[in-house]
């Protein structure tokens, strides 16, 4: 770790993010700064998600909408690049806690 944050990699499984990412592509992910999840997220960013209802299962999705609730907390509507993928059309909005990392780039293409 350092001032630039914590980075890791994920390997894509499934076809929900095609044509952008394919199965077995490796993605570089930024998980936050200084040991805390502190991400700068914008519309269109591709993120890694761990849903509260499915701990230990990770998804790669694209942020399609960011909403603020009455307390000023953000929630995210995420979509697959492939319309056949499972995403917020089924889940609804995700809490900020469910967004665990921001995809920086593909580091190995299948």
N, C-alpha and C. Protein backbone atom coordinates (compact mmCIF):
# COMPACT_ATOMS: atom_id res chain seq x y z
N UNK A 1 0.84 -1.18 0.00
CA UNK A 1 0.00 0.00 0.00
C UNK A 1 0.88 1.24 0.00
N UNK A 2 0.36 2.31 -0.44
CA UNK A 2 1.06 3.57 -0.43
C UNK A 2 0.08 4.68 -0.64
N UNK A 3 0.59 5.85 -0.94
CA UNK A 3 -0.31 6.98 -1.11
C UNK A 3 -1.20 6.82 -2.33
N UNK A 4 -0.82 5.91 -3.23
CA UNK A 4 -1.61 5.70 -4.43
C UNK A 4 -2.69 4.67 -4.25
N UNK A 5 -2.73 4.00 -3.11
CA UNK A 5 -3.84 3.12 -2.82
C UNK A 5 -3.50 1.66 -2.92
N UNK A 6 -4.55 0.88 -2.83
CA UNK A 6 -4.48 -0.57 -2.87
C UNK A 6 -5.02 -1.04 -4.21
N UNK A 7 -4.24 -1.88 -4.87
CA UNK A 7 -4.64 -2.40 -6.17
C UNK A 7 -4.62 -3.92 -6.13
N UNK A 8 -5.41 -4.52 -6.98
CA UNK A 8 -5.44 -5.97 -7.12
C UNK A 8 -5.95 -6.31 -8.50
N UNK A 9 -6.21 -7.58 -8.70
CA UNK A 9 -6.73 -7.98 -10.01
C UNK A 9 -7.91 -8.93 -9.82
N UNK A 10 -8.77 -8.93 -10.80
CA UNK A 10 -9.86 -9.89 -10.86
C UNK A 10 -9.83 -10.53 -12.24
N UNK A 11 -10.33 -11.74 -12.30
CA UNK A 11 -10.44 -12.45 -13.57
C UNK A 11 -11.92 -12.54 -13.92
N UNK A 12 -12.26 -12.12 -15.11
CA UNK A 12 -13.65 -12.10 -15.56
C UNK A 12 -14.15 -13.52 -15.78
N UNK A 13 -15.33 -13.80 -15.24
CA UNK A 13 -16.03 -15.05 -15.52
C UNK A 13 -17.36 -14.69 -16.15
N UNK A 14 -17.79 -15.43 -17.11
CA UNK A 14 -19.08 -15.17 -17.73
C UNK A 14 -19.00 -14.11 -18.81
N UNK A 15 -20.15 -13.84 -19.41
CA UNK A 15 -20.21 -12.98 -20.59
C UNK A 15 -21.00 -11.69 -20.36
N UNK A 16 -21.31 -11.35 -19.12
CA UNK A 16 -22.18 -10.20 -18.87
C UNK A 16 -21.56 -8.86 -19.27
N UNK A 17 -20.23 -8.79 -19.38
CA UNK A 17 -19.60 -7.51 -19.76
C UNK A 17 -19.07 -7.52 -21.19
N UNK A 18 -19.44 -8.53 -21.98
CA UNK A 18 -19.06 -8.51 -23.39
C UNK A 18 -19.86 -7.44 -24.11
N UNK A 19 -19.30 -6.74 -25.06
CA UNK A 19 -18.03 -7.00 -25.71
C UNK A 19 -16.82 -6.33 -25.05
N UNK A 20 -17.03 -5.57 -23.97
CA UNK A 20 -15.92 -4.84 -23.35
C UNK A 20 -14.89 -5.79 -22.75
N UNK A 21 -15.37 -6.74 -21.96
CA UNK A 21 -14.49 -7.72 -21.31
C UNK A 21 -15.01 -9.11 -21.60
N UNK A 22 -14.08 -10.04 -21.78
CA UNK A 22 -14.40 -11.42 -22.10
C UNK A 22 -14.01 -12.35 -20.96
N UNK A 23 -14.60 -13.55 -20.92
CA UNK A 23 -14.18 -14.51 -19.90
C UNK A 23 -12.67 -14.72 -19.92
N UNK A 24 -12.09 -14.77 -18.74
CA UNK A 24 -10.66 -14.97 -18.49
C UNK A 24 -9.80 -13.73 -18.72
N UNK A 25 -10.40 -12.58 -19.06
CA UNK A 25 -9.64 -11.33 -19.06
C UNK A 25 -9.25 -11.00 -17.61
N UNK A 26 -8.07 -10.44 -17.42
CA UNK A 26 -7.62 -9.99 -16.11
C UNK A 26 -7.79 -8.48 -16.05
N UNK A 27 -8.37 -7.99 -14.96
CA UNK A 27 -8.60 -6.56 -14.81
C UNK A 27 -7.85 -6.03 -13.60
N UNK A 28 -7.23 -4.85 -13.75
CA UNK A 28 -6.58 -4.17 -12.64
C UNK A 28 -7.65 -3.35 -11.91
N UNK A 29 -7.74 -3.52 -10.59
CA UNK A 29 -8.79 -2.89 -9.80
C UNK A 29 -8.17 -2.05 -8.69
N UNK A 30 -8.72 -0.85 -8.51
CA UNK A 30 -8.32 0.03 -7.40
C UNK A 30 -9.34 -0.15 -6.29
N UNK A 31 -8.86 -0.50 -5.08
CA UNK A 31 -9.75 -0.78 -3.96
C UNK A 31 -9.83 0.35 -2.94
N UNK A 32 -9.00 1.37 -3.04
CA UNK A 32 -9.10 2.49 -2.11
C UNK A 32 -7.74 3.00 -1.67
N UNK A 33 -7.77 3.95 -0.76
CA UNK A 33 -6.57 4.60 -0.26
C UNK A 33 -6.42 4.37 1.24
N UNK A 34 -5.18 4.26 1.68
CA UNK A 34 -4.84 4.28 3.11
C UNK A 34 -5.60 3.22 3.91
N UNK A 35 -5.84 2.07 3.31
CA UNK A 35 -6.51 0.99 4.01
C UNK A 35 -8.01 1.18 4.15
N UNK A 36 -8.55 2.23 3.53
CA UNK A 36 -9.99 2.47 3.59
C UNK A 36 -10.54 2.49 2.18
N UNK A 37 -11.76 2.02 2.05
CA UNK A 37 -12.39 2.08 0.74
C UNK A 37 -12.78 3.53 0.47
N UNK A 38 -12.05 4.17 -0.39
CA UNK A 38 -12.29 5.56 -0.73
C UNK A 38 -12.12 5.67 -2.23
N UNK A 39 -13.24 5.62 -2.95
CA UNK A 39 -13.20 5.57 -4.40
C UNK A 39 -13.87 6.81 -4.98
N UNK A 40 -13.34 7.28 -6.08
CA UNK A 40 -13.96 8.37 -6.84
C UNK A 40 -14.71 7.73 -8.00
N UNK A 41 -16.02 7.63 -7.89
CA UNK A 41 -16.81 6.92 -8.90
C UNK A 41 -17.64 7.90 -9.72
N UNK A 42 -17.68 7.63 -11.03
CA UNK A 42 -18.44 8.46 -11.96
C UNK A 42 -19.32 7.59 -12.84
N UNK A 43 -20.28 8.22 -13.48
CA UNK A 43 -21.09 7.50 -14.46
C UNK A 43 -20.19 6.89 -15.52
N UNK A 44 -20.47 5.67 -15.90
CA UNK A 44 -19.69 5.00 -16.92
C UNK A 44 -18.53 4.18 -16.38
N UNK A 45 -18.14 4.40 -15.11
CA UNK A 45 -17.06 3.61 -14.53
C UNK A 45 -17.47 2.15 -14.44
N UNK A 46 -16.50 1.26 -14.64
CA UNK A 46 -16.72 -0.17 -14.43
C UNK A 46 -16.21 -0.49 -13.03
N UNK A 47 -17.03 -1.18 -12.26
CA UNK A 47 -16.73 -1.43 -10.85
C UNK A 47 -16.85 -2.91 -10.51
N UNK A 48 -16.23 -3.26 -9.39
CA UNK A 48 -16.38 -4.60 -8.81
C UNK A 48 -17.36 -4.48 -7.66
N UNK A 49 -18.32 -5.38 -7.63
CA UNK A 49 -19.41 -5.35 -6.66
C UNK A 49 -19.40 -6.63 -5.84
N UNK A 50 -19.65 -6.47 -4.54
CA UNK A 50 -19.95 -7.61 -3.68
C UNK A 50 -21.28 -7.28 -3.00
N UNK A 51 -22.34 -7.91 -3.46
CA UNK A 51 -23.68 -7.60 -2.94
C UNK A 51 -23.83 -8.09 -1.51
N UNK A 52 -24.53 -7.30 -0.69
CA UNK A 52 -24.75 -7.66 0.71
C UNK A 52 -25.46 -8.99 0.84
N UNK A 53 -26.33 -9.31 -0.11
CA UNK A 53 -27.09 -10.57 -0.06
C UNK A 53 -26.32 -11.75 -0.62
N UNK A 54 -25.13 -11.51 -1.19
CA UNK A 54 -24.31 -12.58 -1.77
C UNK A 54 -22.84 -12.39 -1.41
N UNK A 55 -22.51 -12.43 -0.12
CA UNK A 55 -21.10 -12.22 0.25
C UNK A 55 -20.19 -13.28 -0.38
N UNK A 56 -19.03 -12.83 -0.82
CA UNK A 56 -18.05 -13.73 -1.43
C UNK A 56 -18.22 -13.92 -2.92
N UNK A 57 -19.29 -13.37 -3.50
CA UNK A 57 -19.51 -13.43 -4.94
C UNK A 57 -19.31 -12.03 -5.50
N UNK A 58 -18.46 -11.92 -6.50
CA UNK A 58 -18.08 -10.62 -7.04
C UNK A 58 -18.58 -10.47 -8.47
N UNK A 59 -19.05 -9.28 -8.80
CA UNK A 59 -19.55 -8.96 -10.13
C UNK A 59 -18.79 -7.77 -10.68
N UNK A 60 -18.67 -7.72 -12.00
CA UNK A 60 -18.11 -6.56 -12.69
C UNK A 60 -19.26 -5.94 -13.48
N UNK A 61 -19.54 -4.65 -13.21
CA UNK A 61 -20.66 -3.96 -13.85
C UNK A 61 -20.28 -2.51 -14.12
N UNK A 62 -21.10 -1.82 -14.91
CA UNK A 62 -20.87 -0.42 -15.26
C UNK A 62 -21.90 0.46 -14.55
N UNK A 63 -21.43 1.58 -13.97
CA UNK A 63 -22.33 2.50 -13.28
C UNK A 63 -23.15 3.25 -14.34
N UNK A 64 -24.49 3.12 -14.24
CA UNK A 64 -25.38 3.78 -15.17
C UNK A 64 -26.08 4.98 -14.55
N UNK A 65 -26.19 4.98 -13.21
CA UNK A 65 -26.86 6.08 -12.53
C UNK A 65 -26.37 6.15 -11.09
N UNK A 66 -26.23 7.36 -10.58
CA UNK A 66 -25.87 7.59 -9.18
C UNK A 66 -26.96 8.45 -8.58
N UNK A 67 -27.54 7.97 -7.47
CA UNK A 67 -28.63 8.71 -6.82
C UNK A 67 -28.24 9.03 -5.39
N UNK A 68 -28.80 10.12 -4.86
CA UNK A 68 -28.61 10.50 -3.46
C UNK A 68 -29.92 10.31 -2.72
N UNK A 69 -29.85 9.68 -1.53
CA UNK A 69 -31.07 9.58 -0.73
C UNK A 69 -31.23 10.83 0.11
N UNK A 70 -32.25 10.87 0.94
CA UNK A 70 -32.55 12.08 1.72
C UNK A 70 -31.45 12.40 2.74
N UNK A 71 -30.62 11.40 3.09
CA UNK A 71 -29.51 11.62 4.02
C UNK A 71 -28.21 11.94 3.31
N UNK A 72 -28.25 12.03 1.98
CA UNK A 72 -27.06 12.34 1.21
C UNK A 72 -26.18 11.14 0.89
N UNK A 73 -26.67 9.93 1.19
CA UNK A 73 -25.91 8.72 0.86
C UNK A 73 -26.14 8.35 -0.61
N UNK A 74 -25.06 7.91 -1.25
CA UNK A 74 -25.15 7.54 -2.66
C UNK A 74 -25.63 6.10 -2.82
N UNK A 75 -26.38 5.87 -3.88
CA UNK A 75 -26.72 4.52 -4.30
C UNK A 75 -26.47 4.46 -5.80
N UNK A 76 -26.22 3.26 -6.28
CA UNK A 76 -25.75 3.08 -7.65
C UNK A 76 -26.63 2.12 -8.42
N UNK A 77 -26.94 2.50 -9.64
CA UNK A 77 -27.65 1.64 -10.57
C UNK A 77 -26.61 1.16 -11.56
N UNK A 78 -26.40 -0.14 -11.63
CA UNK A 78 -25.34 -0.69 -12.45
C UNK A 78 -25.93 -1.61 -13.52
N UNK A 79 -25.27 -1.62 -14.66
CA UNK A 79 -25.72 -2.45 -15.77
C UNK A 79 -24.58 -3.29 -16.32
N UNK A 80 -24.95 -4.41 -16.90
CA UNK A 80 -24.03 -5.22 -17.68
C UNK A 80 -23.88 -4.59 -19.05
N UNK A 81 -22.74 -4.77 -19.70
CA UNK A 81 -22.61 -4.29 -21.08
C UNK A 81 -23.40 -5.20 -22.03
N UNK A 82 -23.59 -6.44 -21.64
CA UNK A 82 -24.37 -7.42 -22.39
C UNK A 82 -25.77 -7.44 -21.78
N UNK A 83 -26.79 -7.15 -22.56
CA UNK A 83 -28.15 -7.07 -22.03
C UNK A 83 -28.62 -8.35 -21.35
N UNK A 84 -27.99 -9.48 -21.65
CA UNK A 84 -28.38 -10.75 -21.04
C UNK A 84 -27.84 -10.90 -19.61
N UNK A 85 -26.96 -10.00 -19.18
CA UNK A 85 -26.36 -10.10 -17.85
C UNK A 85 -27.34 -9.71 -16.74
N UNK A 86 -27.06 -10.17 -15.53
CA UNK A 86 -27.84 -9.83 -14.36
C UNK A 86 -27.26 -8.55 -13.74
N UNK A 87 -28.14 -7.61 -13.40
CA UNK A 87 -27.67 -6.32 -12.91
C UNK A 87 -28.78 -5.61 -12.15
N UNK A 88 -28.72 -4.28 -12.06
CA UNK A 88 -29.71 -3.52 -11.29
C UNK A 88 -31.12 -3.61 -11.86
N UNK A 89 -31.27 -4.06 -13.09
CA UNK A 89 -32.62 -4.28 -13.61
C UNK A 89 -33.33 -5.35 -12.79
N UNK A 90 -32.55 -6.25 -12.20
CA UNK A 90 -33.10 -7.29 -11.31
C UNK A 90 -32.91 -6.90 -9.84
N UNK A 91 -31.73 -6.35 -9.48
CA UNK A 91 -31.38 -6.08 -8.08
C UNK A 91 -31.92 -4.76 -7.55
N UNK A 92 -32.08 -3.77 -8.41
CA UNK A 92 -32.36 -2.42 -7.96
C UNK A 92 -31.05 -1.70 -7.66
N UNK A 93 -31.16 -0.58 -6.97
CA UNK A 93 -29.97 0.22 -6.64
C UNK A 93 -29.11 -0.50 -5.61
N UNK A 94 -27.80 -0.29 -5.70
CA UNK A 94 -26.85 -0.86 -4.75
C UNK A 94 -26.35 0.23 -3.81
N UNK A 95 -26.05 -0.16 -2.59
CA UNK A 95 -25.50 0.80 -1.63
C UNK A 95 -24.03 1.05 -1.95
N UNK A 96 -23.53 2.16 -1.45
CA UNK A 96 -22.12 2.50 -1.66
C UNK A 96 -21.20 1.41 -1.10
N UNK A 97 -21.61 0.76 -0.02
CA UNK A 97 -20.81 -0.30 0.60
C UNK A 97 -20.64 -1.51 -0.31
N UNK A 98 -21.56 -1.69 -1.26
CA UNK A 98 -21.49 -2.85 -2.15
C UNK A 98 -20.52 -2.65 -3.32
N UNK A 99 -20.09 -1.43 -3.55
CA UNK A 99 -19.09 -1.14 -4.59
C UNK A 99 -17.73 -1.25 -3.91
N UNK A 100 -16.97 -2.29 -4.25
CA UNK A 100 -15.72 -2.52 -3.52
C UNK A 100 -14.47 -2.11 -4.28
N UNK A 101 -14.59 -1.87 -5.58
CA UNK A 101 -13.41 -1.47 -6.34
C UNK A 101 -13.79 -0.88 -7.68
N UNK A 102 -12.86 -0.13 -8.24
CA UNK A 102 -13.03 0.54 -9.52
C UNK A 102 -12.05 -0.08 -10.52
N UNK A 103 -12.56 -0.60 -11.63
CA UNK A 103 -11.69 -1.20 -12.64
C UNK A 103 -10.90 -0.10 -13.34
N UNK A 104 -9.57 -0.25 -13.36
CA UNK A 104 -8.68 0.73 -13.99
C UNK A 104 -8.45 0.38 -15.46
N UNK A 105 -8.11 -0.87 -15.72
CA UNK A 105 -7.82 -1.30 -17.09
C UNK A 105 -7.77 -2.82 -17.16
N UNK A 106 -7.80 -3.32 -18.36
CA UNK A 106 -7.55 -4.74 -18.59
C UNK A 106 -6.04 -4.93 -18.62
N UNK A 107 -5.52 -5.91 -17.88
CA UNK A 107 -4.08 -6.13 -17.87
C UNK A 107 -3.68 -7.38 -18.66
N UNK A 108 -4.66 -8.23 -18.96
CA UNK A 108 -4.37 -9.39 -19.81
C UNK A 108 -5.66 -9.75 -20.52
N UNK A 109 -5.56 -9.85 -21.82
CA UNK A 109 -6.73 -10.20 -22.62
C UNK A 109 -6.72 -11.69 -22.91
N UNK A 110 -7.88 -12.31 -22.79
CA UNK A 110 -8.00 -13.72 -23.11
C UNK A 110 -7.88 -13.91 -24.61
